[in-house]
All heavy atoms as atom14 arrays in JSON, in Angstrom:
{
  "sequence": "YVAGTYIYSNQIIARDIPGKGIKAEVPAVEEHGILKVHPFVPKQL",
  "atom14_mask": [
    [1, 1, 1, 1, 1, 1, 1, 1, 1, 1, 1, 1, 0, 0],
    [1, 1, 1, 1, 1, 1, 1, 0, 0, 0, 0, 0, 0, 0],
    [1, 1, 1, 1, 1, 0, 0, 0, 0, 0, 0, 0, 0, 0],
    [1, 1, 1, 1, 0, 0, 0, 0, 0, 0, 0, 0, 0, 0],
    [1, 1, 1, 1, 1, 1, 1, 0, 0, 0, 0, 0, 0, 0],
    [1, 1, 1, 1, 1, 1, 1, 1, 1, 1, 1, 1, 0, 0],
    [1, 1, 1, 1, 1, 1, 1, 1, 0, 0, 0, 0, 0, 0],
    [1, 1, 1, 1, 1, 1, 1, 1, 1, 1, 1, 1, 0, 0],
    [1, 1, 1, 1, 1, 1, 0, 0, 0, 0, 0, 0, 0, 0],
    [1, 1, 1, 1, 1, 1, 1, 1, 0, 0, 0, 0, 0, 0],
    [1, 1, 1, 1, 1, 1, 1, 1, 1, 0, 0, 0, 0, 0],
    [1, 1, 1, 1, 1, 1, 1, 1, 0, 0, 0, 0, 0, 0],
    [1, 1, 1, 1, 1, 1, 1, 1, 0, 0, 0, 0, 0, 0],
    [1, 1, 1, 1, 1, 0, 0, 0, 0, 0, 0, 0, 0, 0],
    [1, 1, 1, 1, 1, 1, 1, 1, 1, 1, 1, 0, 0, 0],
    [1, 1, 1, 1, 1, 1, 1, 1, 0, 0, 0, 0, 0, 0],
    [1, 1, 1, 1, 1, 1, 1, 1, 0, 0, 0, 0, 0, 0],
    [1, 1, 1, 1, 1, 1, 1, 0, 0, 0, 0, 0, 0, 0],
    [1, 1, 1, 1, 0, 0, 0, 0, 0, 0, 0, 0, 0, 0],
    [1, 1, 1, 1, 1, 1, 1, 1, 1, 0, 0, 0, 0, 0],
    [1, 1, 1, 1, 0, 0, 0, 0, 0, 0, 0, 0, 0, 0],
    [1, 1, 1, 1, 1, 1, 1, 1, 0, 0, 0, 0, 0, 0],
    [1, 1, 1, 1, 1, 1, 1, 1, 1, 0, 0, 0, 0, 0],
    [1, 1, 1, 1, 1, 0, 0, 0, 0, 0, 0, 0, 0, 0],
    [1, 1, 1, 1, 1, 1, 1, 1, 1, 0, 0, 0, 0, 0],
    [1, 1, 1, 1, 1, 1, 1, 0, 0, 0, 0, 0, 0, 0],
    [1, 1, 1, 1, 1, 1, 1, 0, 0, 0, 0, 0, 0, 0],
    [1, 1, 1, 1, 1, 0, 0, 0, 0, 0, 0, 0, 0, 0],
    [1, 1, 1, 1, 1, 1, 1, 0, 0, 0, 0, 0, 0, 0],
    [1, 1, 1, 1, 1, 1, 1, 1, 1, 0, 0, 0, 0, 0],
    [1, 1, 1, 1, 1, 1, 1, 1, 1, 0, 0, 0, 0, 0],
    [1, 1, 1, 1, 1, 1, 1, 1, 1, 1, 0, 0, 0, 0],
    [1, 1, 1, 1, 0, 0, 0, 0, 0, 0, 0, 0, 0, 0],
    [1, 1, 1, 1, 1, 1, 1, 1, 0, 0, 0, 0, 0, 0],
    [1, 1, 1, 1, 1, 1, 1, 1, 0, 0, 0, 0, 0, 0],
    [1, 1, 1, 1, 1, 1, 1, 1, 1, 0, 0, 0, 0, 0],
    [1, 1, 1, 1, 1, 1, 1, 0, 0, 0, 0, 0, 0, 0],
    [1, 1, 1, 1, 1, 1, 1, 1, 1, 1, 0, 0, 0, 0],
    [1, 1, 1, 1, 1, 1, 1, 0, 0, 0, 0, 0, 0, 0],
    [1, 1, 1, 1, 1, 1, 1, 1, 1, 1, 1, 0, 0, 0],
    [1, 1, 1, 1, 1, 1, 1, 0, 0, 0, 0, 0, 0, 0],
    [1, 1, 1, 1, 1, 1, 1, 0, 0, 0, 0, 0, 0, 0],
    [1, 1, 1, 1, 1, 1, 1, 1, 1, 0, 0, 0, 0, 0],
    [1, 1, 1, 1, 1, 1, 1, 1, 1, 0, 0, 0, 0, 0],
    [1, 1, 1, 1, 1, 1, 1, 1, 0, 0, 0, 0, 0, 0]
  ],
  "atom14_positions": [
    [[72.49, 10.39, -20.05], [71.73, 11.77, -20.15], [72.56, 12.83, -19.36], [73.5, 12.54, -18.52], [70.43, 11.6, -19.32], [69.41, 10.64, -19.96], [69.38, 9.23, -19.32], [68.89, 10.82, -21.15], [68.56, 8.33, -20.02], [68.0, 9.89, -21.73], [67.83, 8.65, -21.18], [67.07, 7.61, -21.73], [0.0, 0.0, 0.0], [0.0, 0.0, 0.0]],
    [[72.21, 14.02, -19.54], [72.97, 15.12, -18.89], [71.84, 15.82, -17.94], [72.26, 16.52, -16.95], [73.6, 16.11, -19.78], [72.49, 17.04, -20.48], [74.54, 17.06, -19.08], [0.0, 0.0, 0.0], [0.0, 0.0, 0.0], [0.0, 0.0, 0.0], [0.0, 0.0, 0.0], [0.0, 0.0, 0.0], [0.0, 0.0, 0.0], [0.0, 0.0, 0.0]],
    [[70.62, 15.64, -18.25], [69.59, 16.2, -17.33], [68.28, 15.61, -17.59], [67.96, 15.38, -18.75], [69.54, 17.76, -17.58], [0.0, 0.0, 0.0], [0.0, 0.0, 0.0], [0.0, 0.0, 0.0], [0.0, 0.0, 0.0], [0.0, 0.0, 0.0], [0.0, 0.0, 0.0], [0.0, 0.0, 0.0], [0.0, 0.0, 0.0], [0.0, 0.0, 0.0]],
    [[67.53, 15.24, -16.52], [66.04, 14.84, -16.62], [65.65, 13.65, -17.31], [64.55, 13.36, -17.68], [0.0, 0.0, 0.0], [0.0, 0.0, 0.0], [0.0, 0.0, 0.0], [0.0, 0.0, 0.0], [0.0, 0.0, 0.0], [0.0, 0.0, 0.0], [0.0, 0.0, 0.0], [0.0, 0.0, 0.0], [0.0, 0.0, 0.0], [0.0, 0.0, 0.0]],
    [[66.74, 12.76, -17.62], [66.58, 11.56, -18.49], [65.92, 11.82, -19.7], [65.19, 11.0, -20.38], [65.87, 10.44, -17.64], [64.5, 10.94, -17.45], [66.52, 10.07, -16.5], [0.0, 0.0, 0.0], [0.0, 0.0, 0.0], [0.0, 0.0, 0.0], [0.0, 0.0, 0.0], [0.0, 0.0, 0.0], [0.0, 0.0, 0.0], [0.0, 0.0, 0.0]],
    [[66.27, 13.08, -20.32], [65.6, 13.44, -21.71], [66.57, 14.05, -22.63], [66.42, 14.11, -23.82], [64.3, 14.14, -21.62], [64.42, 15.67, -21.25], [64.46, 16.53, -22.28], [64.52, 16.1, -19.92], [64.56, 17.83, -22.03], [64.53, 17.47, -19.57], [64.63, 18.28, -20.68], [64.8, 19.66, -20.44], [0.0, 0.0, 0.0], [0.0, 0.0, 0.0]],
    [[67.67, 14.71, -22.05], [68.56, 15.2, -22.8], [69.97, 14.38, -22.86], [70.52, 14.2, -21.72], [69.02, 16.65, -22.36], [67.75, 17.6, -22.45], [70.09, 17.31, -23.14], [68.03, 18.93, -21.76], [0.0, 0.0, 0.0], [0.0, 0.0, 0.0], [0.0, 0.0, 0.0], [0.0, 0.0, 0.0], [0.0, 0.0, 0.0], [0.0, 0.0, 0.0]],
    [[70.26, 13.89, -23.93], [71.49, 12.96, -23.94], [72.77, 13.87, -23.74], [72.61, 15.12, -23.95], [71.64, 12.39, -25.28], [70.86, 11.11, -25.58], [70.29, 10.79, -26.72], [70.73, 10.34, -24.4], [69.53, 9.6, -26.96], [69.91, 9.1, -24.6], [69.41, 8.75, -25.9], [68.66, 7.68, -26.05], [0.0, 0.0, 0.0], [0.0, 0.0, 0.0]],
    [[73.79, 13.4, -23.19], [75.02, 14.08, -23.03], [75.56, 14.88, -24.25], [76.13, 15.77, -24.09], [76.03, 13.17, -22.61], [75.7, 12.62, -21.34], [0.0, 0.0, 0.0], [0.0, 0.0, 0.0], [0.0, 0.0, 0.0], [0.0, 0.0, 0.0], [0.0, 0.0, 0.0], [0.0, 0.0, 0.0], [0.0, 0.0, 0.0], [0.0, 0.0, 0.0]],
    [[75.21, 14.35, -25.46], [75.6, 14.98, -26.71], [74.62, 16.08, -27.16], [74.6, 16.56, -28.27], [75.79, 13.96, -27.71], [74.61, 13.17, -28.04], [73.43, 13.51, -27.73], [74.81, 12.03, -28.69], [0.0, 0.0, 0.0], [0.0, 0.0, 0.0], [0.0, 0.0, 0.0], [0.0, 0.0, 0.0], [0.0, 0.0, 0.0], [0.0, 0.0, 0.0]],
    [[73.65, 16.47, -26.23], [72.7, 17.54, -26.31], [71.55, 17.27, -27.19], [70.74, 18.12, -27.46], [73.48, 18.75, -26.88], [74.71, 19.17, -26.1], [74.49, 19.6, -24.69], [73.77, 20.68, -24.49], [74.93, 18.81, -23.7], [0.0, 0.0, 0.0], [0.0, 0.0, 0.0], [0.0, 0.0, 0.0], [0.0, 0.0, 0.0], [0.0, 0.0, 0.0]],
    [[71.45, 15.92, -27.64], [70.25, 15.56, -28.58], [69.02, 15.17, -27.53], [69.33, 14.54, -26.51], [70.54, 14.43, -29.28], [71.76, 14.75, -30.33], [69.19, 14.01, -30.11], [71.4, 15.85, -31.32], [0.0, 0.0, 0.0], [0.0, 0.0, 0.0], [0.0, 0.0, 0.0], [0.0, 0.0, 0.0], [0.0, 0.0, 0.0], [0.0, 0.0, 0.0]],
    [[67.93, 15.66, -27.82], [66.66, 15.4, -27.03], [66.22, 13.94, -27.36], [65.79, 13.77, -28.53], [65.65, 16.48, -27.25], [66.15, 17.8, -26.65], [64.33, 15.99, -26.51], [65.19, 18.95, -26.81], [0.0, 0.0, 0.0], [0.0, 0.0, 0.0], [0.0, 0.0, 0.0], [0.0, 0.0, 0.0], [0.0, 0.0, 0.0], [0.0, 0.0, 0.0]],
    [[66.07, 13.18, -26.32], [65.93, 11.73, -26.53], [64.4, 11.35, -26.48], [64.01, 10.25, -27.02], [66.62, 11.02, -25.42], [0.0, 0.0, 0.0], [0.0, 0.0, 0.0], [0.0, 0.0, 0.0], [0.0, 0.0, 0.0], [0.0, 0.0, 0.0], [0.0, 0.0, 0.0], [0.0, 0.0, 0.0], [0.0, 0.0, 0.0], [0.0, 0.0, 0.0]],
    [[63.54, 12.25, -25.86], [62.09, 11.81, -25.76], [61.25, 13.16, -25.67], [61.78, 14.11, -25.43], [61.89, 11.01, -24.52], [62.41, 11.73, -23.14], [62.11, 10.85, -22.0], [60.64, 10.63, -21.79], [60.14, 9.84, -20.71], [60.98, 9.37, -19.95], [58.88, 9.81, -20.55], [0.0, 0.0, 0.0], [0.0, 0.0, 0.0], [0.0, 0.0, 0.0]],
    [[60.07, 12.72, -25.98], [59.02, 13.91, -25.81], [58.76, 14.25, -24.37], [58.62, 13.34, -23.51], [57.71, 13.48, -26.44], [57.82, 13.3, -27.95], [58.69, 13.81, -28.63], [56.87, 12.69, -28.53], [0.0, 0.0, 0.0], [0.0, 0.0, 0.0], [0.0, 0.0, 0.0], [0.0, 0.0, 0.0], [0.0, 0.0, 0.0], [0.0, 0.0, 0.0]],
    [[58.6, 15.51, -24.06], [58.2, 15.95, -22.74], [56.93, 16.81, -22.99], [57.11, 18.03, -23.14], [59.35, 16.69, -22.13], [60.62, 16.01, -22.04], [58.92, 17.0, -20.55], [60.68, 14.68, -21.28], [0.0, 0.0, 0.0], [0.0, 0.0, 0.0], [0.0, 0.0, 0.0], [0.0, 0.0, 0.0], [0.0, 0.0, 0.0], [0.0, 0.0, 0.0]],
    [[55.79, 16.22, -22.95], [54.5, 17.07, -23.25], [54.36, 18.16, -22.29], [53.85, 19.2, -22.58], [53.39, 15.94, -22.95], [54.16, 14.59, -23.27], [55.53, 14.83, -22.7], [0.0, 0.0, 0.0], [0.0, 0.0, 0.0], [0.0, 0.0, 0.0], [0.0, 0.0, 0.0], [0.0, 0.0, 0.0], [0.0, 0.0, 0.0], [0.0, 0.0, 0.0]],
    [[54.76, 18.08, -21.02], [54.53, 19.12, -20.01], [55.39, 20.27, -20.25], [55.07, 21.51, -19.85], [0.0, 0.0, 0.0], [0.0, 0.0, 0.0], [0.0, 0.0, 0.0], [0.0, 0.0, 0.0], [0.0, 0.0, 0.0], [0.0, 0.0, 0.0], [0.0, 0.0, 0.0], [0.0, 0.0, 0.0], [0.0, 0.0, 0.0], [0.0, 0.0, 0.0]],
    [[56.44, 20.27, -21.08], [57.27, 21.31, -21.39], [57.22, 21.51, -23.01], [57.86, 22.61, -23.38], [58.65, 21.08, -21.25], [59.03, 21.08, -19.72], [58.87, 22.46, -19.09], [59.35, 22.48, -17.59], [59.17, 23.83, -16.94], [0.0, 0.0, 0.0], [0.0, 0.0, 0.0], [0.0, 0.0, 0.0], [0.0, 0.0, 0.0], [0.0, 0.0, 0.0]],
    [[56.41, 20.88, -23.72], [56.23, 21.17, -25.2], [57.52, 20.87, -25.87], [57.78, 21.39, -26.91], [0.0, 0.0, 0.0], [0.0, 0.0, 0.0], [0.0, 0.0, 0.0], [0.0, 0.0, 0.0], [0.0, 0.0, 0.0], [0.0, 0.0, 0.0], [0.0, 0.0, 0.0], [0.0, 0.0, 0.0], [0.0, 0.0, 0.0], [0.0, 0.0, 0.0]],
    [[58.29, 19.8, -25.36], [59.51, 19.44, -25.97], [59.27, 18.14, -26.92], [58.68, 17.23, -26.4], [60.59, 19.24, -24.85], [60.92, 20.42, -24.09], [61.83, 18.59, -25.45], [61.85, 20.24, -22.85], [0.0, 0.0, 0.0], [0.0, 0.0, 0.0], [0.0, 0.0, 0.0], [0.0, 0.0, 0.0], [0.0, 0.0, 0.0], [0.0, 0.0, 0.0]],
    [[59.95, 18.21, -28.01], [59.89, 17.11, -28.99], [61.15, 16.33, -29.05], [62.16, 16.98, -29.03], [59.32, 17.64, -30.31], [58.0, 18.23, -30.35], [56.82, 17.26, -30.12], [55.52, 17.72, -30.3], [54.38, 16.75, -30.02], [0.0, 0.0, 0.0], [0.0, 0.0, 0.0], [0.0, 0.0, 0.0], [0.0, 0.0, 0.0], [0.0, 0.0, 0.0]],
    [[61.15, 15.05, -29.25], [62.27, 14.29, -29.31], [62.94, 14.63, -30.67], [62.3, 14.83, -31.72], [62.02, 12.78, -29.26], [0.0, 0.0, 0.0], [0.0, 0.0, 0.0], [0.0, 0.0, 0.0], [0.0, 0.0, 0.0], [0.0, 0.0, 0.0], [0.0, 0.0, 0.0], [0.0, 0.0, 0.0], [0.0, 0.0, 0.0], [0.0, 0.0, 0.0]],
    [[64.31, 14.62, -30.72], [65.04, 14.9, -31.9], [65.83, 13.7, -32.53], [66.29, 13.84, -33.57], [66.19, 16.01, -31.49], [65.53, 17.34, -31.12], [66.51, 18.37, -30.65], [67.61, 17.85, -30.23], [66.13, 19.5, -30.51], [0.0, 0.0, 0.0], [0.0, 0.0, 0.0], [0.0, 0.0, 0.0], [0.0, 0.0, 0.0], [0.0, 0.0, 0.0]],
    [[65.83, 12.57, -31.74], [66.44, 11.38, -32.16], [65.88, 10.93, -33.54], [66.7, 10.58, -34.45], [66.29, 10.27, -31.05], [66.85, 8.92, -31.61], [67.16, 10.62, -30.0], [0.0, 0.0, 0.0], [0.0, 0.0, 0.0], [0.0, 0.0, 0.0], [0.0, 0.0, 0.0], [0.0, 0.0, 0.0], [0.0, 0.0, 0.0], [0.0, 0.0, 0.0]],
    [[64.6, 10.9, -33.76], [64.01, 10.46, -35.06], [64.76, 11.22, -36.18], [64.99, 10.62, -37.27], [62.63, 10.63, -34.98], [62.24, 10.51, -33.4], [63.45, 11.19, -32.82], [0.0, 0.0, 0.0], [0.0, 0.0, 0.0], [0.0, 0.0, 0.0], [0.0, 0.0, 0.0], [0.0, 0.0, 0.0], [0.0, 0.0, 0.0], [0.0, 0.0, 0.0]],
    [[64.79, 12.63, -36.06], [65.32, 13.3, -37.19], [66.79, 13.13, -37.36], [67.17, 13.08, -38.49], [65.13, 14.93, -36.8], [0.0, 0.0, 0.0], [0.0, 0.0, 0.0], [0.0, 0.0, 0.0], [0.0, 0.0, 0.0], [0.0, 0.0, 0.0], [0.0, 0.0, 0.0], [0.0, 0.0, 0.0], [0.0, 0.0, 0.0], [0.0, 0.0, 0.0]],
    [[67.52, 12.83, -36.33], [69.01, 12.63, -36.43], [69.16, 11.18, -37.1], [69.96, 10.96, -37.9], [69.69, 12.47, -35.03], [71.11, 12.01, -35.22], [69.65, 13.89, -34.41], [0.0, 0.0, 0.0], [0.0, 0.0, 0.0], [0.0, 0.0, 0.0], [0.0, 0.0, 0.0], [0.0, 0.0, 0.0], [0.0, 0.0, 0.0], [0.0, 0.0, 0.0]],
    [[68.23, 10.23, -36.67], [68.37, 8.87, -37.28], [68.03, 8.8, -38.78], [68.57, 8.1, -39.44], [67.49, 7.91, -36.58], [67.95, 7.72, -35.09], [67.11, 6.69, -34.38], [65.93, 6.56, -34.66], [67.65, 5.98, -33.52], [0.0, 0.0, 0.0], [0.0, 0.0, 0.0], [0.0, 0.0, 0.0], [0.0, 0.0, 0.0], [0.0, 0.0, 0.0]],
    [[66.99, 9.63, -39.24], [66.59, 9.66, -40.44], [67.57, 10.45, -41.49], [67.87, 10.0, -42.45], [65.11, 10.36, -40.64], [64.69, 10.38, -42.01], [63.36, 11.03, -42.08], [62.75, 11.36, -41.09], [62.82, 11.15, -43.32], [0.0, 0.0, 0.0], [0.0, 0.0, 0.0], [0.0, 0.0, 0.0], [0.0, 0.0, 0.0], [0.0, 0.0, 0.0]],
    [[68.01, 11.62, -40.97], [68.71, 12.54, -41.78], [70.24, 12.51, -41.57], [71.15, 12.8, -42.41], [68.33, 13.87, -41.78], [66.8, 14.03, -42.1], [66.37, 13.86, -43.48], [65.69, 14.2, -41.25], [64.94, 14.04, -43.48], [64.66, 14.15, -42.28], [0.0, 0.0, 0.0], [0.0, 0.0, 0.0], [0.0, 0.0, 0.0], [0.0, 0.0, 0.0]],
    [[70.67, 12.14, -40.38], [72.07, 12.12, -39.81], [72.32, 13.54, -39.1], [71.75, 14.57, -39.33], [0.0, 0.0, 0.0], [0.0, 0.0, 0.0], [0.0, 0.0, 0.0], [0.0, 0.0, 0.0], [0.0, 0.0, 0.0], [0.0, 0.0, 0.0], [0.0, 0.0, 0.0], [0.0, 0.0, 0.0], [0.0, 0.0, 0.0], [0.0, 0.0, 0.0]],
    [[73.19, 13.27, -38.2], [73.59, 14.52, -37.34], [74.17, 15.6, -38.15], [74.05, 16.76, -37.84], [74.39, 14.14, -36.15], [74.5, 15.14, -35.02], [75.92, 13.7, -36.6], [74.96, 14.7, -33.71], [0.0, 0.0, 0.0], [0.0, 0.0, 0.0], [0.0, 0.0, 0.0], [0.0, 0.0, 0.0], [0.0, 0.0, 0.0], [0.0, 0.0, 0.0]],
    [[74.9, 15.36, -39.11], [75.65, 16.38, -39.99], [74.62, 17.29, -40.62], [74.66, 18.49, -40.69], [76.48, 15.87, -41.03], [77.75, 14.93, -40.57], [78.39, 14.4, -41.66], [78.78, 15.88, -39.66], [0.0, 0.0, 0.0], [0.0, 0.0, 0.0], [0.0, 0.0, 0.0], [0.0, 0.0, 0.0], [0.0, 0.0, 0.0], [0.0, 0.0, 0.0]],
    [[73.55, 16.69, -41.14], [72.51, 17.56, -41.9], [71.74, 18.29, -40.99], [71.16, 19.37, -41.35], [71.79, 16.61, -42.7], [72.52, 16.22, -44.03], [71.54, 15.43, -45.03], [72.11, 15.09, -46.39], [73.45, 14.31, -46.28], [0.0, 0.0, 0.0], [0.0, 0.0, 0.0], [0.0, 0.0, 0.0], [0.0, 0.0, 0.0], [0.0, 0.0, 0.0]],
    [[71.31, 17.84, -39.77], [70.28, 18.52, -38.98], [70.92, 19.45, -37.97], [70.33, 20.21, -37.37], [69.42, 17.45, -38.24], [68.65, 16.63, -39.17], [70.31, 16.7, -37.22], [0.0, 0.0, 0.0], [0.0, 0.0, 0.0], [0.0, 0.0, 0.0], [0.0, 0.0, 0.0], [0.0, 0.0, 0.0], [0.0, 0.0, 0.0], [0.0, 0.0, 0.0]],
    [[72.27, 19.33, -37.8], [73.06, 20.34, -36.81], [73.15, 21.56, -37.48], [73.8, 21.69, -38.54], [74.33, 19.69, -36.45], [74.95, 20.36, -35.25], [75.25, 21.64, -35.13], [75.06, 19.7, -33.98], [75.73, 21.86, -33.94], [75.69, 20.72, -33.2], [0.0, 0.0, 0.0], [0.0, 0.0, 0.0], [0.0, 0.0, 0.0], [0.0, 0.0, 0.0]],
    [[72.75, 22.75, -36.81], [72.78, 23.95, -37.7], [74.13, 24.57, -37.79], [74.4, 25.48, -38.54], [71.89, 24.86, -36.75], [71.91, 24.23, -35.36], [71.95, 22.7, -35.67], [0.0, 0.0, 0.0], [0.0, 0.0, 0.0], [0.0, 0.0, 0.0], [0.0, 0.0, 0.0], [0.0, 0.0, 0.0], [0.0, 0.0, 0.0], [0.0, 0.0, 0.0]],
    [[75.08, 24.06, -36.98], [76.46, 24.74, -36.99], [77.52, 23.89, -37.72], [78.69, 24.32, -37.61], [77.0, 25.02, -35.71], [76.09, 26.04, -34.96], [75.01, 25.68, -34.12], [76.33, 27.4, -35.23], [74.24, 26.69, -33.46], [75.61, 28.53, -34.67], [74.42, 28.05, -33.83], [0.0, 0.0, 0.0], [0.0, 0.0, 0.0], [0.0, 0.0, 0.0]],
    [[77.16, 22.89, -38.56], [77.95, 22.09, -39.28], [78.34, 22.84, -40.62], [77.38, 23.37, -41.22], [77.45, 20.6, -39.66], [78.33, 19.93, -40.7], [77.37, 19.82, -38.29], [0.0, 0.0, 0.0], [0.0, 0.0, 0.0], [0.0, 0.0, 0.0], [0.0, 0.0, 0.0], [0.0, 0.0, 0.0], [0.0, 0.0, 0.0], [0.0, 0.0, 0.0]],
    [[79.54, 23.11, -41.04], [79.84, 23.78, -42.23], [79.13, 23.08, -43.51], [79.08, 21.89, -43.52], [81.32, 23.77, -42.31], [81.8, 23.5, -40.89], [80.77, 22.68, -40.21], [0.0, 0.0, 0.0], [0.0, 0.0, 0.0], [0.0, 0.0, 0.0], [0.0, 0.0, 0.0], [0.0, 0.0, 0.0], [0.0, 0.0, 0.0], [0.0, 0.0, 0.0]],
    [[78.77, 24.04, -44.39], [78.07, 23.33, -45.5], [78.84, 22.37, -46.31], [78.27, 21.31, -46.83], [77.55, 24.47, -46.59], [76.53, 25.42, -46.04], [76.13, 26.39, -46.99], [75.03, 27.3, -46.49], [74.6, 28.35, -47.4], [0.0, 0.0, 0.0], [0.0, 0.0, 0.0], [0.0, 0.0, 0.0], [0.0, 0.0, 0.0], [0.0, 0.0, 0.0]],
    [[80.24, 22.57, -46.32], [80.95, 21.6, -47.13], [81.02, 20.24, -46.52], [81.56, 19.2, -47.07], [82.35, 22.16, -47.43], [83.22, 22.36, -46.16], [82.96, 23.72, -45.52], [82.03, 24.32, -45.77], [83.96, 24.08, -44.63], [0.0, 0.0, 0.0], [0.0, 0.0, 0.0], [0.0, 0.0, 0.0], [0.0, 0.0, 0.0], [0.0, 0.0, 0.0]],
    [[80.61, 20.1, -45.19], [80.68, 18.76, -44.45], [79.27, 18.23, -44.18], [79.23, 17.17, -43.54], [81.43, 18.99, -43.18], [82.86, 19.51, -43.25], [83.53, 19.59, -41.8], [83.7, 18.59, -44.03], [0.0, 0.0, 0.0], [0.0, 0.0, 0.0], [0.0, 0.0, 0.0], [0.0, 0.0, 0.0], [0.0, 0.0, 0.0], [0.0, 0.0, 0.0]]
  ]
}
């Protein structure tokens, strides 16, 4: 983690934090892949 045991060092949110309205992103990365869900990956990649 990089902060609060919920943000991984690679900036992906690892768990839900109800008190902050934060949702885990790991399920989306595992289902679709980091290339597809990352907004700054070039379209050709």
